[in-house]
Amino acid sequence: MKKNNYDWIIGVCCSMADGIKFYKYTGTAEEIKEHLVQLVKIDKKNDKNEWSSGSETIAEILDESNGKESCFYGYGSYMSYHIEYMAEKVASLENLTDWIERN
């Protein structure tokens, strides 16, 4: 059976940092969820003493697209800050020019 690979854009935002770090990835919805969990675990490992809770399993990665599997969300909560992780299919991104024209 052929896997459905998609292009994804991943954004990582930390409440203690300026801006958002972006990544790109090509793979399946299951793979991108696994990568979001890996990102959470890497950040947790880098600050174990501050860790409170977060998305440590694929089951804890939320489908923000109401079952369409085009946008996924995970998070890490620490005592004094939080980190959010979001992945969205590039094909699902809205064209900025179209949005501006509508508004």
C-alpha atoms as a PDB file:
ATOM      1  CA  MET A   1       0.000   0.000   0.000  1.00  0.00           C
ATOM      2  CA  LYS A   2       1.330   3.401  -0.993  1.00  0.00           C
ATOM      3  CA  LYS A   3       1.893   5.991   1.722  1.00  0.00           C
ATOM      4  CA  ASN A   4       0.339   9.424   1.264  1.00  0.00           C
ATOM      5  CA  ASN A   5       3.265  11.806   1.563  1.00  0.00           C
ATOM      6  CA  TYR A   6       2.563  15.516   1.928  1.00  0.00           C
ATOM      7  CA  ASP A   7       4.657  18.646   2.292  1.00  0.00           C
ATOM      8  CA  TRP A   8       4.316  20.124   5.791  1.00  0.00           C
ATOM      9  CA  ILE A   9       5.336  23.374   7.426  1.00  0.00           C
ATOM     10  CA  ILE A  10       6.105  23.105  11.136  1.00  0.00           C
ATOM     11  CA  GLY A  11       6.083  26.089  13.472  1.00  0.00           C
ATOM     12  CA  VAL A  12       7.554  26.062  16.988  1.00  0.00           C
ATOM     13  CA  CYS A  13       6.846  28.999  19.290  1.00  0.00           C
ATOM     14  CA  CYS A  14       8.244  29.463  22.787  1.00  0.00           C
ATOM     15  CA  SER A  15       6.706  32.058  25.095  1.00  0.00           C
ATOM     16  CA  MET A  16      10.208  33.017  26.316  1.00  0.00           C
ATOM     17  CA  ALA A  17      11.661  33.565  22.835  1.00  0.00           C
ATOM     18  CA  ASP A  18      11.090  36.051  20.062  1.00  0.00           C
ATOM     19  CA  GLY A  19       9.467  34.774  16.888  1.00  0.00           C
ATOM     20  CA  ILE A  20       8.622  31.352  15.555  1.00  0.00           C
ATOM     21  CA  LYS A  21      11.041  28.716  14.270  1.00  0.00           C
ATOM     22  CA  PHE A  22       9.851  27.097  11.028  1.00  0.00           C
ATOM     23  CA  TYR A  23      10.763  23.731   9.543  1.00  0.00           C
ATOM     24  CA  LYS A  24       9.621  21.818   6.482  1.00  0.00           C
ATOM     25  CA  TYR A  25       9.027  18.095   6.144  1.00  0.00           C
ATOM     26  CA  THR A  26       7.691  15.655   3.560  1.00  0.00           C
ATOM     27  CA  GLY A  27       5.891  12.606   4.913  1.00  0.00           C
ATOM     28  CA  THR A  28       2.645  11.086   6.115  1.00  0.00           C
ATOM     29  CA  ALA A  29       0.260  12.414   8.745  1.00  0.00           C
ATOM     30  CA  GLU A  30       1.410   9.699  11.155  1.00  0.00           C
ATOM     31  CA  GLU A  31       5.061  10.606  10.589  1.00  0.00           C
ATOM     32  CA  ILE A  32       4.468  14.301  11.226  1.00  0.00           C
ATOM     33  CA  LYS A  33       2.673  13.482  14.481  1.00  0.00           C
ATOM     34  CA  GLU A  34       5.670  11.345  15.507  1.00  0.00           C
ATOM     35  CA  HIS A  35       7.993  14.255  14.726  1.00  0.00           C
ATOM     36  CA  LEU A  36       5.935  16.665  16.811  1.00  0.00           C
ATOM     37  CA  VAL A  37       6.237  14.249  19.751  1.00  0.00           C
ATOM     38  CA  GLN A  38      10.000  14.045  19.133  1.00  0.00           C
ATOM     39  CA  LEU A  39      10.266  17.852  19.229  1.00  0.00           C
ATOM     40  CA  VAL A  40       8.376  17.950  22.543  1.00  0.00           C
ATOM     41  CA  LYS A  41      10.617  15.245  24.017  1.00  0.00           C
ATOM     42  CA  ILE A  42      13.823  16.948  22.856  1.00  0.00           C
ATOM     43  CA  ASP A  43      12.778  20.221  24.475  1.00  0.00           C
ATOM     44  CA  LYS A  44      11.696  18.378  27.646  1.00  0.00           C
ATOM     45  CA  LYS A  45      15.092  16.657  27.815  1.00  0.00           C
ATOM     46  CA  ASN A  46      16.808  20.054  27.483  1.00  0.00           C
ATOM     47  CA  ASP A  47      14.899  21.473  30.489  1.00  0.00           C
ATOM     48  CA  LYS A  48      13.812  18.496  32.645  1.00  0.00           C
ATOM     49  CA  ASN A  49      13.751  20.535  35.865  1.00  0.00           C
ATOM     50  CA  GLU A  50      11.149  23.010  34.556  1.00  0.00           C
ATOM     51  CA  TRP A  51       8.904  20.432  32.798  1.00  0.00           C
ATOM     52  CA  SER A  52       5.240  20.280  33.904  1.00  0.00           C
ATOM     53  CA  SER A  53       3.256  18.488  31.168  1.00  0.00           C
ATOM     54  CA  GLY A  54       2.823  18.176  27.432  1.00  0.00           C
ATOM     55  CA  SER A  55       2.182  16.088  24.336  1.00  0.00           C
ATOM     56  CA  GLU A  56       4.420  13.081  24.938  1.00  0.00           C
ATOM     57  CA  THR A  57       2.531  10.528  22.827  1.00  0.00           C
ATOM     58  CA  ILE A  58       0.951  10.504  19.370  1.00  0.00           C
ATOM     59  CA  ALA A  59      -2.458  10.179  21.065  1.00  0.00           C
ATOM     60  CA  GLU A  60      -1.822  13.567  22.716  1.00  0.00           C
ATOM     61  CA  ILE A  61      -1.189  15.326  19.390  1.00  0.00           C
ATOM     62  CA  LEU A  62      -4.415  17.113  18.473  1.00  0.00           C
ATOM     63  CA  ASP A  63      -5.911  17.232  14.990  1.00  0.00           C
ATOM     64  CA  GLU A  64      -6.781  20.915  14.705  1.00  0.00           C
ATOM     65  CA  SER A  65      -8.469  20.337  11.321  1.00  0.00           C
ATOM     66  CA  ASN A  66     -11.498  18.442  12.631  1.00  0.00           C
ATOM     67  CA  GLY A  67     -10.452  15.040  11.327  1.00  0.00           C
ATOM     68  CA  LYS A  68      -9.047  16.205   7.988  1.00  0.00           C
ATOM     69  CA  GLU A  69      -5.492  15.420   9.176  1.00  0.00           C
ATOM     70  CA  SER A  70      -4.143  18.635   7.693  1.00  0.00           C
ATOM     71  CA  CYS A  71      -3.144  20.495  10.880  1.00  0.00           C
ATOM     72  CA  PHE A  72      -1.697  19.032  14.094  1.00  0.00           C
ATOM     73  CA  TYR A  73      -0.861  20.621  17.442  1.00  0.00           C
ATOM     74  CA  GLY A  74       1.280  19.651  20.411  1.00  0.00           C
ATOM     75  CA  TYR A  75       2.659  21.527  23.407  1.00  0.00           C
ATOM     76  CA  GLY A  76       5.085  21.511  26.284  1.00  0.00           C
ATOM     77  CA  SER A  77       4.318  23.318  29.549  1.00  0.00           C
ATOM     78  CA  TYR A  78       7.130  24.321  31.830  1.00  0.00           C
ATOM     79  CA  MET A  79       7.032  26.073  35.209  1.00  0.00           C
ATOM     80  CA  SER A  80       7.782  29.511  33.776  1.00  0.00           C
ATOM     81  CA  TYR A  81       7.007  29.198  30.044  1.00  0.00           C
ATOM     82  CA  HIS A  82       5.393  27.042  27.356  1.00  0.00           C
ATOM     83  CA  ILE A  83       6.229  25.847  23.846  1.00  0.00           C
ATOM     84  CA  GLU A  84       3.692  25.192  21.097  1.00  0.00           C
ATOM     85  CA  TYR A  85       4.280  22.963  18.076  1.00  0.00           C
ATOM     86  CA  MET A  86       2.062  23.057  14.989  1.00  0.00           C
ATOM     87  CA  ALA A  87       2.302  21.262  11.646  1.00  0.00           C
ATOM     88  CA  GLU A  88       0.135  22.066   8.650  1.00  0.00           C
ATOM     89  CA  LYS A  89      -0.010  20.617   5.161  1.00  0.00           C
ATOM     90  CA  VAL A  90       1.363  23.154   2.722  1.00  0.00           C
ATOM     91  CA  ALA A  91      -1.541  22.399   0.360  1.00  0.00           C
ATOM     92  CA  SER A  92      -3.974  23.421   3.118  1.00  0.00           C
ATOM     93  CA  LEU A  93      -2.433  26.844   3.657  1.00  0.00           C
ATOM     94  CA  GLU A  94      -4.558  29.734   2.501  1.00  0.00           C
ATOM     95  CA  ASN A  95      -3.127  32.001  -0.170  1.00  0.00           C
ATOM     96  CA  LEU A  96      -2.309  35.362   1.436  1.00  0.00           C
ATOM     97  CA  THR A  97      -3.373  37.387  -1.609  1.00  0.00           C
ATOM     98  CA  ASP A  98      -6.785  35.693  -1.606  1.00  0.00           C
ATOM     99  CA  TRP A  99      -7.223  36.403   2.112  1.00  0.00           C
ATOM    100  CA  ILE A 100      -6.270  40.077   1.700  1.00  0.00           C
ATOM    101  CA  GLU A 101      -8.689  40.505  -1.207  1.00  0.00           C
ATOM    102  CA  ARG A 102     -11.559  39.034   0.852  1.00  0.00           C
ATOM    103  CA  ASN A 103     -10.849  41.295   3.789  1.00  0.00           C
END
